[in-house]
Amino acid sequence: MKTSVILRFVILGLLWLGLVGYILTHTPFTPYIAFVIVASAIIIFVPMYKKYIKK
């Protein structure tokens, strides 16, 4: 895997983790919040996985 692809995963992962941390610290945890976090991870990381890793 190229360094640029790894860097993309790291940057998006850190940004996603930061936003999830912000959500978790500013809202009460509910099943809806859990759904939003899981859905956002799927929306962000599955297409990247399919494009760069599963060639």
PDB file of N, CA and C in Angstrom:
ATOM      1  N   MET A   1       0.840  -1.170   0.000  1.00  0.00           N
ATOM      2  CA  MET A   1       0.000   0.000   0.000  1.00  0.00           C
ATOM      3  C   MET A   1       0.890   1.240   0.000  1.00  0.00           C
ATOM      4  N   LYS A   2       0.491   2.235  -0.773  1.00  0.00           N
ATOM      5  CA  LYS A   2       1.270   3.471  -0.875  1.00  0.00           C
ATOM      6  C   LYS A   2       1.187   4.291   0.411  1.00  0.00           C
ATOM      7  N   THR A   3       2.186   5.092   0.601  1.00  0.00           N
ATOM      8  CA  THR A   3       2.226   5.974   1.769  1.00  0.00           C
ATOM      9  C   THR A   3       1.082   6.972   1.726  1.00  0.00           C
ATOM     10  N   SER A   4       0.720   7.453   0.539  1.00  0.00           N
ATOM     11  CA  SER A   4      -0.358   8.430   0.433  1.00  0.00           C
ATOM     12  C   SER A   4      -1.698   7.828   0.857  1.00  0.00           C
ATOM     13  N   VAL A   5      -1.918   6.562   0.555  1.00  0.00           N
ATOM     14  CA  VAL A   5      -3.164   5.904   0.954  1.00  0.00           C
ATOM     15  C   VAL A   5      -3.206   5.748   2.469  1.00  0.00           C
ATOM     16  N   ILE A   6      -2.109   5.354   3.056  1.00  0.00           N
ATOM     17  CA  ILE A   6      -2.037   5.219   4.511  1.00  0.00           C
ATOM     18  C   ILE A   6      -2.285   6.571   5.171  1.00  0.00           C
ATOM     19  N   LEU A   7      -1.704   7.615   4.611  1.00  0.00           N
ATOM     20  CA  LEU A   7      -1.885   8.956   5.155  1.00  0.00           C
ATOM     21  C   LEU A   7      -3.345   9.390   5.070  1.00  0.00           C
ATOM     22  N   ARG A   8      -4.029   9.056   3.976  1.00  0.00           N
ATOM     23  CA  ARG A   8      -5.457   9.379   3.849  1.00  0.00           C
ATOM     24  C   ARG A   8      -6.270   8.681   4.926  1.00  0.00           C
ATOM     25  N   PHE A   9      -5.995   7.398   5.140  1.00  0.00           N
ATOM     26  CA  PHE A   9      -6.708   6.657   6.175  1.00  0.00           C
ATOM     27  C   PHE A   9      -6.453   7.262   7.549  1.00  0.00           C
ATOM     28  N   VAL A  10      -5.227   7.620   7.830  1.00  0.00           N
ATOM     29  CA  VAL A  10      -4.883   8.180   9.148  1.00  0.00           C
ATOM     30  C   VAL A  10      -5.563   9.529   9.353  1.00  0.00           C
ATOM     31  N   ILE A  11      -5.504  10.403   8.354  1.00  0.00           N
ATOM     32  CA  ILE A  11      -6.110  11.728   8.497  1.00  0.00           C
ATOM     33  C   ILE A  11      -7.622  11.617   8.668  1.00  0.00           C
ATOM     34  N   LEU A  12      -8.272  10.832   7.817  1.00  0.00           N
ATOM     35  CA  LEU A  12      -9.719  10.670   7.952  1.00  0.00           C
ATOM     36  C   LEU A  12     -10.090   9.969   9.258  1.00  0.00           C
ATOM     37  N   GLY A  13      -9.293   9.003   9.673  1.00  0.00           N
ATOM     38  CA  GLY A  13      -9.553   8.317  10.930  1.00  0.00           C
ATOM     39  C   GLY A  13      -9.450   9.252  12.115  1.00  0.00           C
ATOM     40  N   LEU A  14      -8.429  10.083  12.139  1.00  0.00           N
ATOM     41  CA  LEU A  14      -8.270  11.031  13.249  1.00  0.00           C
ATOM     42  C   LEU A  14      -9.386  12.069  13.250  1.00  0.00           C
ATOM     43  N   LEU A  15      -9.756  12.547  12.078  1.00  0.00           N
ATOM     44  CA  LEU A  15     -10.850  13.509  11.983  1.00  0.00           C
ATOM     45  C   LEU A  15     -12.158  12.874  12.454  1.00  0.00           C
ATOM     46  N   TRP A  16     -12.410  11.654  12.020  1.00  0.00           N
ATOM     47  CA  TRP A  16     -13.625  10.950  12.426  1.00  0.00           C
ATOM     48  C   TRP A  16     -13.633  10.712  13.943  1.00  0.00           C
ATOM     49  N   LEU A  17     -12.514  10.268  14.479  1.00  0.00           N
ATOM     50  CA  LEU A  17     -12.431  10.047  15.930  1.00  0.00           C
ATOM     51  C   LEU A  17     -12.648  11.346  16.714  1.00  0.00           C
ATOM     52  N   GLY A  18     -12.108  12.435  16.206  1.00  0.00           N
ATOM     53  CA  GLY A  18     -12.309  13.725  16.858  1.00  0.00           C
ATOM     54  C   GLY A  18     -13.767  14.134  16.871  1.00  0.00           C
ATOM     55  N   LEU A  19     -14.440  13.941  15.747  1.00  0.00           N
ATOM     56  CA  LEU A  19     -15.852  14.293  15.676  1.00  0.00           C
ATOM     57  C   LEU A  19     -16.705  13.374  16.549  1.00  0.00           C
ATOM     58  N   VAL A  20     -16.371  12.096  16.588  1.00  0.00           N
ATOM     59  CA  VAL A  20     -17.095  11.164  17.461  1.00  0.00           C
ATOM     60  C   VAL A  20     -16.868  11.545  18.926  1.00  0.00           C
ATOM     61  N   GLY A  21     -15.649  11.889  19.261  1.00  0.00           N
ATOM     62  CA  GLY A  21     -15.372  12.333  20.624  1.00  0.00           C
ATOM     63  C   GLY A  21     -16.157  13.579  20.989  1.00  0.00           C
ATOM     64  N   TYR A  22     -16.264  14.494  20.055  1.00  0.00           N
ATOM     65  CA  TYR A  22     -17.047  15.710  20.289  1.00  0.00           C
ATOM     66  C   TYR A  22     -18.514  15.373  20.513  1.00  0.00           C
ATOM     67  N   ILE A  23     -19.056  14.488  19.684  1.00  0.00           N
ATOM     68  CA  ILE A  23     -20.457  14.082  19.838  1.00  0.00           C
ATOM     69  C   ILE A  23     -20.675  13.426  21.200  1.00  0.00           C
ATOM     70  N   LEU A  24     -19.769  12.538  21.578  1.00  0.00           N
ATOM     71  CA  LEU A  24     -19.948  11.808  22.835  1.00  0.00           C
ATOM     72  C   LEU A  24     -19.815  12.692  24.070  1.00  0.00           C
ATOM     73  N   THR A  25     -19.019  13.754  23.979  1.00  0.00           N
ATOM     74  CA  THR A  25     -18.854  14.616  25.146  1.00  0.00           C
ATOM     75  C   THR A  25     -19.944  15.676  25.255  1.00  0.00           C
ATOM     76  N   HIS A  26     -20.638  15.973  24.167  1.00  0.00           N
ATOM     77  CA  HIS A  26     -21.630  17.048  24.192  1.00  0.00           C
ATOM     78  C   HIS A  26     -23.080  16.575  24.103  1.00  0.00           C
ATOM     79  N   THR A  27     -23.305  15.297  23.947  1.00  0.00           N
ATOM     80  CA  THR A  27     -24.678  14.791  23.895  1.00  0.00           C
ATOM     81  C   THR A  27     -24.774  13.541  24.766  1.00  0.00           C
ATOM     82  N   PRO A  28     -25.936  13.290  25.297  1.00  0.00           N
ATOM     83  CA  PRO A  28     -26.103  12.035  26.051  1.00  0.00           C
ATOM     84  C   PRO A  28     -26.095  10.850  25.088  1.00  0.00           C
ATOM     85  N   PHE A  29     -25.530   9.743  25.541  1.00  0.00           N
ATOM     86  CA  PHE A  29     -25.428   8.564  24.689  1.00  0.00           C
ATOM     87  C   PHE A  29     -26.780   7.867  24.614  1.00  0.00           C
ATOM     88  N   THR A  30     -27.288   7.741  23.413  1.00  0.00           N
ATOM     89  CA  THR A  30     -28.564   7.058  23.167  1.00  0.00           C
ATOM     90  C   THR A  30     -28.359   6.064  22.030  1.00  0.00           C
ATOM     91  N   PRO A  31     -29.310   5.176  21.813  1.00  0.00           N
ATOM     92  CA  PRO A  31     -29.185   4.264  20.663  1.00  0.00           C
ATOM     93  C   PRO A  31     -29.091   5.015  19.332  1.00  0.00           C
ATOM     94  N   TYR A  32     -29.761   6.147  19.243  1.00  0.00           N
ATOM     95  CA  TYR A  32     -29.674   6.949  18.009  1.00  0.00           C
ATOM     96  C   TYR A  32     -28.246   7.448  17.776  1.00  0.00           C
ATOM     97  N   ILE A  33     -27.597   7.905  18.823  1.00  0.00           N
ATOM     98  CA  ILE A  33     -26.207   8.378  18.709  1.00  0.00           C
ATOM     99  C   ILE A  33     -25.302   7.229  18.300  1.00  0.00           C
ATOM    100  N   ALA A  34     -25.520   6.054  18.859  1.00  0.00           N
ATOM    101  CA  ALA A  34     -24.729   4.884  18.471  1.00  0.00           C
ATOM    102  C   ALA A  34     -24.936   4.571  16.990  1.00  0.00           C
ATOM    103  N   PHE A  35     -26.181   4.657  16.525  1.00  0.00           N
ATOM    104  CA  PHE A  35     -26.466   4.428  15.108  1.00  0.00           C
ATOM    105  C   PHE A  35     -25.756   5.449  14.230  1.00  0.00           C
ATOM    106  N   VAL A  36     -25.783   6.703  14.625  1.00  0.00           N
ATOM    107  CA  VAL A  36     -25.124   7.755  13.854  1.00  0.00           C
ATOM    108  C   VAL A  36     -23.629   7.495  13.757  1.00  0.00           C
ATOM    109  N   ILE A  37     -23.007   7.076  14.841  1.00  0.00           N
ATOM    110  CA  ILE A  37     -21.565   6.814  14.842  1.00  0.00           C
ATOM    111  C   ILE A  37     -21.228   5.637  13.942  1.00  0.00           C
ATOM    112  N   VAL A  38     -21.981   4.558  14.052  1.00  0.00           N
ATOM    113  CA  VAL A  38     -21.722   3.381  13.214  1.00  0.00           C
ATOM    114  C   VAL A  38     -21.986   3.693  11.745  1.00  0.00           C
ATOM    115  N   ALA A  39     -23.085   4.386  11.464  1.00  0.00           N
ATOM    116  CA  ALA A  39     -23.413   4.720  10.081  1.00  0.00           C
ATOM    117  C   ALA A  39     -22.358   5.633   9.472  1.00  0.00           C
ATOM    118  N   SER A  40     -21.862   6.588  10.230  1.00  0.00           N
ATOM    119  CA  SER A  40     -20.840   7.484   9.700  1.00  0.00           C
ATOM    120  C   SER A  40     -19.542   6.737   9.428  1.00  0.00           C
ATOM    121  N   ALA A  41     -19.208   5.775  10.272  1.00  0.00           N
ATOM    122  CA  ALA A  41     -18.003   4.979  10.025  1.00  0.00           C
ATOM    123  C   ALA A  41     -18.150   4.166   8.741  1.00  0.00           C
ATOM    124  N   ILE A  42     -19.333   3.596   8.537  1.00  0.00           N
ATOM    125  CA  ILE A  42     -19.560   2.816   7.320  1.00  0.00           C
ATOM    126  C   ILE A  42     -19.488   3.713   6.094  1.00  0.00           C
ATOM    127  N   ILE A  43     -20.103   4.885   6.165  1.00  0.00           N
ATOM    128  CA  ILE A  43     -20.111   5.806   5.028  1.00  0.00           C
ATOM    129  C   ILE A  43     -18.705   6.279   4.693  1.00  0.00           C
ATOM    130  N   ILE A  44     -17.870   6.473   5.681  1.00  0.00           N
ATOM    131  CA  ILE A  44     -16.523   6.999   5.440  1.00  0.00           C
ATOM    132  C   ILE A  44     -15.536   5.905   5.046  1.00  0.00           C
ATOM    133  N   PHE A  45     -15.520   4.795   5.780  1.00  0.00           N
ATOM    134  CA  PHE A  45     -14.429   3.843   5.616  1.00  0.00           C
ATOM    135  C   PHE A  45     -14.681   2.711   4.630  1.00  0.00           C
ATOM    136  N   VAL A  46     -15.910   2.305   4.412  1.00  0.00           N
ATOM    137  CA  VAL A  46     -16.165   1.202   3.479  1.00  0.00           C
ATOM    138  C   VAL A  46     -15.796   1.564   2.038  1.00  0.00           C
ATOM    139  N   PRO A  47     -16.196   2.733   1.526  1.00  0.00           N
ATOM    140  CA  PRO A  47     -15.774   3.070   0.159  1.00  0.00           C
ATOM    141  C   PRO A  47     -14.251   3.169  -0.001  1.00  0.00           C
ATOM    142  N   MET A  48     -13.584   3.689   1.020  1.00  0.00           N
ATOM    143  CA  MET A  48     -12.119   3.768   0.938  1.00  0.00           C
ATOM    144  C   MET A  48     -11.510   2.373   0.939  1.00  0.00           C
ATOM    145  N   TYR A  49     -12.051   1.491   1.764  1.00  0.00           N
ATOM    146  CA  TYR A  49     -11.551   0.120   1.807  1.00  0.00           C
ATOM    147  C   TYR A  49     -11.726  -0.542   0.443  1.00  0.00           C
ATOM    148  N   LYS A  50     -12.905  -0.378  -0.141  1.00  0.00           N
ATOM    149  CA  LYS A  50     -13.169  -0.996  -1.436  1.00  0.00           C
ATOM    150  C   LYS A  50     -12.264  -0.437  -2.525  1.00  0.00           C
ATOM    151  N   LYS A  51     -11.987   0.862  -2.471  1.00  0.00           N
ATOM    152  CA  LYS A  51     -11.190   1.488  -3.523  1.00  0.00           C
ATOM    153  C   LYS A  51      -9.702   1.180  -3.397  1.00  0.00           C
ATOM    154  N   TYR A  52      -9.169   1.239  -2.195  1.00  0.00           N
ATOM    155  CA  TYR A  52      -7.719   1.169  -2.038  1.00  0.00           C
ATOM    156  C   TYR A  52      -7.185  -0.182  -1.582  1.00  0.00           C
ATOM    157  N   ILE A  53      -7.955  -0.965  -0.862  1.00  0.00           N
ATOM    158  CA  ILE A  53      -7.421  -2.193  -0.292  1.00  0.00           C
ATOM    159  C   ILE A  53      -7.925  -3.416  -1.030  1.00  0.00           C
ATOM    160  N   LYS A  54      -9.190  -3.434  -1.401  1.00  0.00           N
ATOM    161  CA  LYS A  54      -9.785  -4.644  -1.964  1.00  0.00           C
ATOM    162  C   LYS A  54      -9.630  -4.717  -3.478  1.00  0.00           C
ATOM    163  N   LYS A  55      -8.789  -3.977  -4.075  1.00  0.00           N
ATOM    164  CA  LYS A  55      -8.616  -3.942  -5.535  1.00  0.00           C
ATOM    165  C   LYS A  55      -8.752  -5.292  -6.098  1.00  0.00           C
TER     166      LYS A  55
END
